[in-house]
Amino acid sequence: MIDNLINFLTDKKILILGFGVEGQSTYKIIRKYLKNQLLYIADKEKNFNEKYEMLTDDVNAKYLSGKEYLDNLDDYDIIIKSPGISLKDIDISAFKQKITSQLELLLEFFDVYTIGVTGTKGKSTTSSLIYEMISKQGKNTLLLGNIGIPIFDYIDVIKKDMIVVLEISSHQLEYVKKSPNISIFLNLYEEHLDHYKSINEYIEAKANIFKYKKKEDYFLYNADNKYVRDVVEKHKKEMGECYNNIYPISFENREYYDKNKIIYENGIIKNYENVKLYNSSDERKLLGNHNLNNIMFVLAVSEILKLDLKKTVETINIFNPLPHRMELVGTFDEITYYNDSIATVPESAMNSIEAIKNINTLIIGGMDRGINYQEFIEFLNNSDIGNLICLPTTGHNIADKITNNTMRIYKVETMEDAVNIAKKVTKKGNNCLLSPAASSYGFFKNFKERGEKFKRLVKNQ
């Protein structure tokens, strides 16, 4: 199947836009098959090409770096854009159709069954659990995409009998014109507003996961999330007969969804035929109602693929939370610490607080991206959290709006300060949770670096 892709790329004027992890992955696969074709590579880092040994002897590559890296984009036949590159401040109307990505090239040129998972939160957990479920039932599968494994790292080993599970971000979906065989839309909250001109642009980018589905494809979506529900309704008419095989997933048991729905009722997850799929009282490692909601999507995929339900349930119950997602760091000096650094929006932090319970100390704060925190502030004001440790910038802003007289507020500047105070003020036998409700950017490279630092400080490493 790789031949279809290589034939498409051959003798084209190609720009690799962005030379991070995914851009490097794109370069390697093109050079593997098109060793002498002229390639253009653009990145905002000045003289970026001098950093990479793979580029040292490449006489057939030309580089654009620094402030001019986005100039003259209309000059190319194909622009393979990395997810992190934002074009929101550029008029792309003249060349929008030339923009593609690893994701779109996979969906376009590879005859392989794909399952795509998007949403503001829960993508990694849900896609990883789907992958584990399929793998443990003896099927040949790969987990790629936003999970941290570029699609092109495995593009030349993909075979027709595989099932490729894809974690997909809004950045990866922004320009695609293809949908996976099973598209999953978990939820949508205010996020990445620094990358888009408006919340509506963010919503429409996410909606590309289902807008191009074929009649035989499946679409699973969160019927309880207003943003998701509204955008599905918006595109329902234009999808025509492709608006088939739709699975509304409703934790709130919205009765007006009947066909194909998966619902949660009295502790039981059921399908549209009222068949019991899962008992929420089962012992499992994924805590919280938000994870039960993720499990509902996994069960729907199991139904669609006609997998063994007993084995599916076994996989769900033994699945461990991924790092930085309500991750148990350990108990030290009778205080139990949890790392939830992935919580970059307030909804995630509230879910984690409710799931873990007995939170005496909460550490919040990070980059201000213009997200509305009013609901989160009201949640904190009505909570029984004893200590709120606030990092800049959002943490400091939230601290000024707390009216809960029983809550002690600490404004700090660094993670070191936050952990040191947490160790002193958290009651023995209680929990301390890092759940920032904000992005790590500006203070850390990413949420992983933030979480790792928290864990090291807790363990005095």
Protein backbone atom coordinates (compact mmCIF):
# COMPACT_ATOMS: atom_id res chain seq x y z
CA MET A 1 0.00 0.00 0.00
CA ILE A 2 2.96 2.30 0.46
CA ASP A 3 3.30 2.36 -3.35
CA ASN A 4 0.09 4.39 -3.66
CA LEU A 5 1.50 7.08 -1.40
CA ILE A 6 4.93 7.16 -3.03
CA ASN A 7 3.39 7.44 -6.51
CA PHE A 8 1.38 10.42 -5.29
CA LEU A 9 4.49 12.15 -3.91
CA THR A 10 6.81 11.38 -6.81
CA ASP A 11 7.96 14.41 -8.84
CA LYS A 12 5.89 16.83 -6.76
CA LYS A 13 7.20 20.03 -5.24
CA ILE A 14 6.78 19.08 -1.60
CA LEU A 15 7.10 21.27 1.48
CA ILE A 16 7.45 19.64 4.89
CA LEU A 17 6.04 22.36 7.13
CA GLY A 18 7.41 22.01 10.65
CA PHE A 19 10.39 19.84 11.55
CA GLY A 20 9.44 18.54 14.95
CA VAL A 21 8.83 14.87 15.68
CA GLU A 22 6.20 14.47 12.96
CA GLY A 23 8.09 16.52 10.39
CA GLN A 24 11.18 14.40 10.91
CA SER A 25 9.05 11.28 10.54
CA THR A 26 7.70 12.60 7.22
CA TYR A 27 11.20 13.39 5.99
CA LYS A 28 12.53 9.91 6.84
CA ILE A 29 9.79 8.04 4.98
CA ILE A 30 10.06 10.26 1.88
CA ARG A 31 13.82 9.90 1.81
CA LYS A 32 13.56 6.15 2.27
CA TYR A 33 11.65 5.84 -1.01
CA LEU A 34 12.53 9.05 -2.88
CA LYS A 35 16.21 9.46 -2.16
CA ASN A 36 16.99 12.06 -4.82
CA GLN A 37 13.78 14.05 -5.08
CA LEU A 38 14.09 17.73 -4.22
CA LEU A 39 12.47 18.47 -0.85
CA TYR A 40 11.68 21.75 0.86
CA ILE A 41 11.58 21.91 4.66
CA ALA A 42 10.37 24.90 6.68
CA ASP A 43 10.55 25.53 10.41
CA LYS A 44 10.33 28.67 12.54
CA GLU A 45 13.58 27.81 14.36
CA LYS A 46 16.40 29.67 12.69
CA ASN A 47 19.01 27.40 11.07
CA PHE A 48 17.13 24.35 12.39
CA ASN A 49 18.74 22.12 9.74
CA GLU A 50 22.15 22.47 11.39
CA LYS A 51 20.84 20.50 14.40
CA TYR A 52 20.03 17.30 12.53
CA GLU A 53 22.61 14.81 11.33
CA MET A 54 20.08 13.32 8.90
CA LEU A 55 20.09 16.60 6.96
CA THR A 56 23.86 17.13 6.88
CA ASP A 57 24.59 15.41 3.58
CA ASP A 58 21.22 15.89 1.90
CA VAL A 59 22.08 17.92 -1.21
CA ASN A 60 18.49 17.57 -2.44
CA ALA A 61 16.91 19.48 0.43
CA LYS A 62 16.30 23.21 0.72
CA TYR A 63 15.50 24.94 3.99
CA LEU A 64 13.38 27.90 5.04
CA SER A 65 13.81 29.00 8.63
CA GLY A 66 13.16 31.85 11.00
CA LYS A 67 10.58 34.56 10.38
CA GLU A 68 10.26 33.75 6.68
CA TYR A 69 9.38 30.08 7.09
CA LEU A 70 5.73 30.64 6.16
CA ASP A 71 6.45 32.76 3.07
CA ASN A 72 5.29 31.76 -0.42
CA LEU A 73 3.29 28.70 0.63
CA ASP A 74 1.41 28.82 -2.67
CA ASP A 75 4.61 27.85 -4.53
CA TYR A 76 4.30 24.14 -3.65
CA ASP A 77 2.27 21.24 -5.03
CA ILE A 78 1.91 19.56 -1.62
CA ILE A 79 2.28 21.02 1.87
CA ILE A 80 2.64 18.29 4.50
CA LYS A 81 1.90 20.27 7.65
CA SER A 82 2.90 19.26 11.15
CA PRO A 83 0.10 19.57 13.75
CA GLY A 84 1.79 22.25 15.83
CA ILE A 85 1.97 24.83 13.03
CA SER A 86 -0.84 27.37 13.26
CA LEU A 87 -1.89 29.21 10.08
CA LYS A 88 -4.59 31.29 11.77
CA ASP A 89 -2.89 34.61 10.91
CA ILE A 90 -2.38 33.78 7.22
CA ASP A 91 -4.79 33.94 4.30
CA ILE A 92 -4.66 30.33 3.10
CA SER A 93 -7.50 30.51 0.57
CA ALA A 94 -5.15 30.29 -2.42
CA PHE A 95 -3.45 27.09 -1.28
CA LYS A 96 -5.70 25.47 1.32
CA GLN A 97 -6.36 22.51 -0.97
CA LYS A 98 -2.63 21.80 -1.07
CA ILE A 99 -2.35 21.32 2.70
CA THR A 100 -2.28 17.73 3.85
CA SER A 101 -0.93 15.68 6.74
CA GLN A 102 0.24 12.24 7.76
CA LEU A 103 -3.30 11.49 8.92
CA GLU A 104 -4.95 12.45 5.65
CA LEU A 105 -2.37 10.61 3.56
CA LEU A 106 -3.02 7.44 5.56
CA LEU A 107 -6.79 7.74 5.14
CA GLU A 108 -6.44 8.58 1.44
CA PHE A 109 -3.94 6.00 0.21
CA PHE A 110 -4.11 3.00 2.57
CA ASP A 111 -6.78 0.33 2.40
CA VAL A 112 -6.73 -0.44 6.11
CA TYR A 113 -9.43 -0.33 8.78
CA THR A 114 -9.07 2.78 10.94
CA ILE A 115 -10.55 3.86 14.27
CA GLY A 116 -10.07 7.55 15.05
CA VAL A 117 -10.52 9.05 18.51
CA THR A 118 -10.78 12.78 19.14
CA GLY A 119 -12.08 15.05 21.89
CA THR A 120 -10.70 17.69 24.19
CA LYS A 121 -9.99 15.15 26.91
CA GLY A 122 -9.81 11.36 27.19
CA LYS A 123 -8.27 10.69 23.76
CA SER A 124 -5.17 8.87 24.99
CA THR A 125 -6.99 6.74 27.56
CA THR A 126 -9.78 5.76 25.17
CA SER A 127 -7.57 5.06 22.15
CA SER A 128 -5.11 3.07 24.29
CA LEU A 129 -7.93 1.03 25.82
CA ILE A 130 -9.43 0.33 22.39
CA TYR A 131 -6.00 -0.77 21.18
CA GLU A 132 -5.54 -3.07 24.19
CA MET A 133 -9.03 -4.52 23.75
CA ILE A 134 -8.46 -5.34 20.07
CA SER A 135 -4.93 -6.63 20.61
CA LYS A 136 -5.95 -8.96 23.45
CA GLN A 137 -8.53 -10.55 21.15
CA GLY A 138 -5.82 -11.67 18.77
CA LYS A 139 -6.18 -9.07 16.05
CA ASN A 140 -3.28 -7.32 14.32
CA THR A 141 -3.41 -3.70 15.42
CA LEU A 142 -1.36 -0.51 15.76
CA LEU A 143 -1.81 2.56 17.97
CA LEU A 144 -0.56 5.73 16.26
CA GLY A 145 -1.01 9.49 16.06
CA ASN A 146 -1.27 12.08 18.79
CA ILE A 147 -0.49 9.41 21.40
CA GLY A 148 3.17 10.22 20.62
CA ILE A 149 3.80 7.82 17.72
CA PRO A 150 3.79 9.57 14.32
CA ILE A 151 1.78 7.68 11.72
CA PHE A 152 4.69 7.66 9.27
CA ASP A 153 6.88 5.83 11.78
CA TYR A 154 4.88 2.70 10.85
CA ILE A 155 3.37 3.67 7.50
CA ASP A 156 5.41 1.19 5.49
CA VAL A 157 4.53 -1.81 7.69
CA ILE A 158 0.76 -1.31 7.60
CA LYS A 159 -1.06 -4.26 6.06
CA LYS A 160 -4.63 -4.67 4.90
CA ASP A 161 -5.56 -7.08 7.71
CA MET A 162 -4.60 -4.57 10.42
CA ILE A 163 -6.79 -2.31 12.51
CA VAL A 164 -5.10 1.06 13.02
CA VAL A 165 -6.24 2.95 16.12
CA LEU A 166 -5.54 6.67 15.88
CA GLU A 167 -5.52 9.27 18.60
CA ILE A 168 -6.30 12.47 16.69
CA SER A 169 -5.93 16.07 17.85
CA SER A 170 -7.81 19.06 16.46
CA HIS A 171 -4.54 20.21 14.86
CA GLN A 172 -4.30 16.93 12.95
CA LEU A 173 -7.94 17.18 11.86
CA GLU A 174 -7.88 20.83 10.84
CA TYR A 175 -7.48 20.31 7.08
CA VAL A 176 -8.45 16.66 6.52
CA LYS A 177 -11.12 15.70 4.03
CA LYS A 178 -11.38 12.03 4.97
CA SER A 179 -12.90 10.25 7.96
CA PRO A 180 -11.86 6.98 9.64
CA ASN A 181 -13.99 3.83 9.41
CA ILE A 182 -15.00 4.37 13.03
CA SER A 183 -14.94 7.98 14.21
CA ILE A 184 -15.19 8.77 17.92
CA PHE A 185 -15.98 12.24 19.29
CA LEU A 186 -15.54 12.01 23.08
CA ASN A 187 -16.25 15.57 24.23
CA LEU A 188 -15.40 19.18 23.57
CA TYR A 189 -14.45 22.01 25.93
CA GLU A 190 -12.72 25.37 25.52
CA GLU A 191 -9.13 24.50 24.62
CA HIS A 192 -6.35 25.49 22.20
CA LEU A 193 -7.85 28.96 21.78
CA ASP A 194 -4.30 30.20 21.13
CA HIS A 195 -4.25 28.10 17.93
CA TYR A 196 -7.64 29.14 16.49
CA LYS A 197 -9.36 32.45 15.85
CA SER A 198 -12.47 31.33 17.73
CA ILE A 199 -14.07 28.44 19.58
CA ASN A 200 -16.12 27.79 16.43
CA GLU A 201 -12.96 27.17 14.39
CA TYR A 202 -11.82 24.68 17.04
CA ILE A 203 -15.20 22.91 16.94
CA GLU A 204 -15.20 22.70 13.15
CA ALA A 205 -11.67 21.30 13.13
CA LYS A 206 -12.79 18.52 15.48
CA ALA A 207 -15.91 17.91 13.37
CA ASN A 208 -13.77 16.87 10.40
CA ILE A 209 -13.48 13.48 12.06
CA PHE A 210 -17.04 12.62 11.00
CA LYS A 211 -17.96 15.09 8.24
CA TYR A 212 -16.52 12.89 5.48
CA LYS A 213 -17.76 9.50 6.66
CA LYS A 214 -19.07 7.04 4.11
CA LYS A 215 -22.42 5.32 4.41
CA GLU A 216 -20.86 2.14 5.78
CA ASP A 217 -18.65 3.96 8.31
CA TYR A 218 -19.54 4.42 11.98
CA PHE A 219 -19.68 7.55 14.10
CA LEU A 220 -19.82 7.52 17.92
CA TYR A 221 -20.37 10.80 19.74
CA ASN A 222 -21.05 12.22 23.19
CA ALA A 223 -24.75 13.10 23.15
CA ASP A 224 -24.46 14.80 26.56
CA ASN A 225 -21.89 17.40 25.47
CA LYS A 226 -23.63 20.48 24.05
CA TYR A 227 -20.77 21.52 21.78
CA VAL A 228 -20.60 18.03 20.27
CA ARG A 229 -24.37 17.63 20.05
CA ASP A 230 -24.80 20.99 18.32
CA VAL A 231 -22.09 20.45 15.70
CA VAL A 232 -23.43 16.98 14.88
CA GLU A 233 -26.92 18.45 14.43
CA LYS A 234 -25.46 21.23 12.27
CA HIS A 235 -23.90 18.78 9.80
CA LYS A 236 -26.63 16.13 9.95
CA LYS A 237 -28.54 17.33 6.88
CA GLU A 238 -25.50 17.82 4.65
CA MET A 239 -24.35 14.26 5.43
CA GLY A 240 -27.51 12.82 3.85
CA GLU A 241 -27.52 9.03 3.66
CA CYS A 242 -24.10 9.01 5.31
CA TYR A 243 -25.92 9.89 8.51
CA ASN A 244 -26.21 6.17 9.19
CA ASN A 245 -24.44 3.94 11.70
CA ILE A 246 -24.52 6.75 14.26
CA TYR A 247 -24.06 5.82 17.92
CA PRO A 248 -25.06 8.49 20.45
CA ILE A 249 -23.29 7.77 23.74
CA SER A 250 -25.32 9.11 26.65
CA PHE A 251 -24.18 8.89 30.25
CA GLU A 252 -27.17 11.03 31.22
CA ASN A 253 -29.54 8.63 29.41
CA ARG A 254 -31.12 11.13 27.05
CA GLU A 255 -34.27 9.30 26.08
CA TYR A 256 -34.79 11.00 22.72
CA TYR A 257 -31.82 9.07 21.33
CA ASP A 258 -32.98 5.55 20.57
CA LYS A 259 -31.33 4.00 17.51
CA ASN A 260 -27.89 2.54 18.24
CA LYS A 261 -27.53 4.43 21.51
CA ILE A 262 -25.26 3.28 24.32
CA ILE A 263 -26.59 4.46 27.69
CA TYR A 264 -25.77 4.37 31.38
CA GLU A 265 -28.69 3.57 33.67
CA ASN A 266 -28.70 2.57 37.35
CA GLY A 267 -25.03 1.65 37.27
CA ILE A 268 -25.34 -0.45 34.11
CA ILE A 269 -24.06 0.35 30.60
CA LYS A 270 -26.52 -0.99 28.00
CA ASN A 271 -26.85 -1.01 24.24
CA TYR A 272 -29.88 0.10 22.20
CA GLU A 273 -31.41 -3.39 22.54
CA ASN A 274 -31.26 -3.02 26.32
CA VAL A 275 -28.52 -5.66 26.53
CA LYS A 276 -26.25 -5.24 29.55
CA LEU A 277 -22.66 -4.56 28.51
CA TYR A 278 -20.97 -3.49 31.73
CA ASN A 279 -21.63 -3.14 35.45
CA SER A 280 -20.07 0.02 36.90
CA SER A 281 -19.72 -1.68 40.28
CA ASP A 282 -17.06 -3.98 38.79
CA GLU A 283 -13.65 -3.37 40.29
CA ARG A 284 -11.62 -1.35 37.82
CA LYS A 285 -8.59 0.94 37.82
CA LEU A 286 -10.06 3.75 35.70
CA LEU A 287 -11.83 5.88 38.30
CA GLY A 288 -14.54 8.49 37.87
CA ASN A 289 -17.66 9.02 35.79
CA HIS A 290 -15.62 10.60 32.99
CA ASN A 291 -13.75 7.31 32.61
CA LEU A 292 -17.02 5.39 32.67
CA ASN A 293 -18.07 7.60 29.79
CA ASN A 294 -14.86 6.68 27.95
CA ILE A 295 -15.58 3.01 28.65
CA MET A 296 -18.98 3.39 26.97
CA PHE A 297 -17.24 4.32 23.72
CA VAL A 298 -14.92 1.33 24.04
CA LEU A 299 -17.89 -0.98 24.53
CA ALA A 300 -19.56 0.49 21.44
CA VAL A 301 -16.46 -0.32 19.38
CA SER A 302 -16.49 -3.84 20.80
CA GLU A 303 -20.10 -4.18 19.61
CA ILE A 304 -19.33 -2.85 16.13
CA LEU A 305 -16.33 -5.15 15.69
CA LYS A 306 -18.28 -8.07 17.19
CA LEU A 307 -15.61 -8.78 19.76
CA ASP A 308 -15.97 -11.15 22.70
CA LEU A 309 -17.74 -9.06 25.38
CA LYS A 310 -16.32 -11.06 28.29
CA LYS A 311 -12.76 -10.46 27.08
CA THR A 312 -13.57 -6.79 26.47
CA VAL A 313 -14.77 -6.36 30.06
CA GLU A 314 -11.68 -8.14 31.38
CA THR A 315 -9.46 -5.74 29.44
CA ILE A 316 -11.36 -2.72 30.75
CA ASN A 317 -11.08 -3.81 34.36
CA ILE A 318 -7.33 -4.47 34.35
CA PHE A 319 -6.41 -1.38 32.31
CA ASN A 320 -4.12 0.96 34.24
CA PRO A 321 -4.44 4.75 33.98
CA LEU A 322 -1.84 6.31 31.71
CA PRO A 323 0.89 8.49 33.26
CA HIS A 324 -0.16 12.02 34.27
CA ARG A 325 -3.86 11.06 34.32
CA MET A 326 -4.96 10.76 37.95
CA GLU A 327 -1.69 8.87 38.36
CA LEU A 328 -1.00 7.60 41.85
CA VAL A 329 2.47 8.88 42.76
CA GLY A 330 2.51 7.23 46.18
CA THR A 331 1.98 7.81 49.89
CA PHE A 332 4.69 9.74 51.72
CA ASP A 333 4.54 10.78 55.37
CA GLU A 334 0.88 9.61 55.41
CA ILE A 335 -0.10 11.89 52.52
CA THR A 336 -1.14 10.35 49.19
CA TYR A 337 -0.18 12.28 46.05
CA TYR A 338 -1.82 12.15 42.62
CA ASN A 339 -0.39 13.55 39.38
CA ASP A 340 -3.07 14.77 36.98
CA SER A 341 -0.90 17.09 34.89
CA ILE A 342 -2.88 16.22 31.74
CA ALA A 343 -5.79 18.26 33.19
CA THR A 344 -5.34 21.38 31.07
CA VAL A 345 -8.99 22.49 31.23
CA PRO A 346 -11.18 23.05 34.30
CA GLU A 347 -13.63 20.29 33.39
CA SER A 348 -10.84 17.71 33.67
CA ALA A 349 -9.75 19.01 37.06
CA MET A 350 -13.33 18.88 38.40
CA ASN A 351 -13.72 15.31 37.13
CA SER A 352 -10.53 14.23 38.87
CA ILE A 353 -11.43 15.90 42.16
CA GLU A 354 -14.78 14.11 42.17
CA ALA A 355 -13.23 10.78 41.16
CA ILE A 356 -10.35 10.66 43.65
CA LYS A 357 -12.23 12.22 46.58
CA ASN A 358 -10.79 13.23 49.96
CA ILE A 359 -8.70 16.00 48.36
CA ASN A 360 -7.26 18.16 51.14
CA THR A 361 -4.76 20.01 48.93
CA LEU A 362 -5.19 20.97 45.27
CA ILE A 363 -2.43 22.46 43.11
CA ILE A 364 -3.67 24.49 40.12
CA GLY A 365 -2.42 27.01 37.57
CA GLY A 366 -0.61 27.45 34.29
CA MET A 367 -0.70 29.39 31.04
CA ASP A 368 -3.66 31.74 30.50
CA ARG A 369 -5.27 30.95 27.13
CA GLY A 370 -8.47 32.92 27.63
CA ILE A 371 -10.52 30.00 28.99
CA ASN A 372 -13.58 30.86 31.11
CA TYR A 373 -12.98 29.65 34.68
CA GLN A 374 -16.21 30.84 36.31
CA GLU A 375 -17.73 27.36 36.69
CA PHE A 376 -14.46 26.06 38.14
CA ILE A 377 -14.31 28.95 40.62
CA GLU A 378 -17.87 28.21 41.78
CA PHE A 379 -16.96 24.53 42.07
CA LEU A 380 -13.99 25.38 44.30
CA ASN A 381 -16.01 27.79 46.40
CA ASN A 382 -18.51 25.01 47.12
CA SER A 383 -15.91 22.31 47.74
CA ASP A 384 -14.42 21.05 51.00
CA ILE A 385 -10.84 21.33 49.75
CA GLY A 386 -8.73 22.64 52.61
CA ASN A 387 -5.74 24.06 50.73
CA LEU A 388 -5.56 25.62 47.29
CA ILE A 389 -2.00 26.15 46.02
CA CYS A 390 -1.97 28.49 43.03
CA LEU A 391 0.71 28.69 40.36
CA PRO A 392 0.89 31.51 37.81
CA THR A 393 -0.85 32.70 35.74
CA THR A 394 -4.34 31.24 35.93
CA GLY A 395 -3.87 29.99 39.49
CA HIS A 396 -3.18 33.50 40.75
CA ASN A 397 -6.21 34.85 38.88
CA ILE A 398 -8.44 32.15 40.35
CA ALA A 399 -7.06 32.72 43.86
CA ASP A 400 -8.33 36.30 43.77
CA LYS A 401 -11.88 35.08 43.15
CA ILE A 402 -12.14 32.42 45.87
CA THR A 403 -14.73 33.30 48.53
CA ASN A 404 -14.65 30.00 50.43
CA ASN A 405 -13.63 31.13 53.93
CA THR A 406 -12.57 27.65 55.03
CA MET A 407 -10.10 27.25 52.17
CA ARG A 408 -6.51 28.38 52.71
CA ILE A 409 -5.03 30.03 49.61
CA TYR A 410 -1.33 29.96 48.76
CA LYS A 411 0.06 31.87 45.78
CA VAL A 412 3.40 30.45 44.66
CA GLU A 413 5.76 30.97 41.74
CA THR A 414 7.28 27.54 41.18
CA MET A 415 6.39 23.86 41.38
CA GLU A 416 9.06 23.50 44.07
CA ASP A 417 7.24 26.03 46.23
CA ALA A 418 3.91 24.31 45.57
CA VAL A 419 5.10 20.85 46.61
CA ASN A 420 6.97 22.15 49.66
CA ILE A 421 3.84 23.87 50.94
CA ALA A 422 1.68 20.84 50.11
CA LYS A 423 3.90 18.64 52.26
CA LYS A 424 3.53 21.03 55.20
CA VAL A 425 -0.21 21.80 55.09
CA THR A 426 -1.91 18.62 53.82
CA LYS A 427 -3.61 16.68 56.60
CA LYS A 428 -2.25 13.21 57.31
CA GLY A 429 -4.40 10.49 55.80
CA ASN A 430 -5.62 12.82 53.06
CA ASN A 431 -4.84 13.34 49.38
CA CYS A 432 -2.88 16.00 47.52
CA LEU A 433 -3.74 16.42 43.83
CA LEU A 434 -1.90 18.24 41.06
CA SER A 435 -4.66 19.03 38.55
CA PRO A 436 -3.68 22.37 36.99
CA ALA A 437 -6.80 23.13 34.88
CA ALA A 438 -4.42 25.02 32.57
CA SER A 439 -1.77 24.46 29.94
CA SER A 440 1.86 23.93 30.91
CA TYR A 441 3.26 26.06 28.09
CA GLY A 442 5.32 29.07 29.10
CA PHE A 443 6.43 27.27 32.25
CA PHE A 444 7.17 23.73 31.03
CA LYS A 445 7.79 22.08 27.68
CA ASN A 446 4.53 20.13 27.99
CA PHE A 447 2.22 18.48 30.54
CA LYS A 448 4.57 15.47 30.75
CA GLU A 449 7.52 17.57 31.88
CA ARG A 450 5.28 19.29 34.44
CA GLY A 451 4.01 15.98 35.80
CA GLU A 452 7.46 14.42 35.95
CA LYS A 453 8.79 17.37 37.92
CA PHE A 454 5.89 17.11 40.35
CA LYS A 455 6.60 13.41 40.89
CA ARG A 456 10.30 13.98 41.46
CA LEU A 457 9.62 16.71 44.01
CA VAL A 458 7.07 14.57 45.86
CA LYS A 459 9.57 11.72 46.05
CA ASN A 460 12.45 14.09 46.95
CA GLN A 461 14.43 12.89 43.92
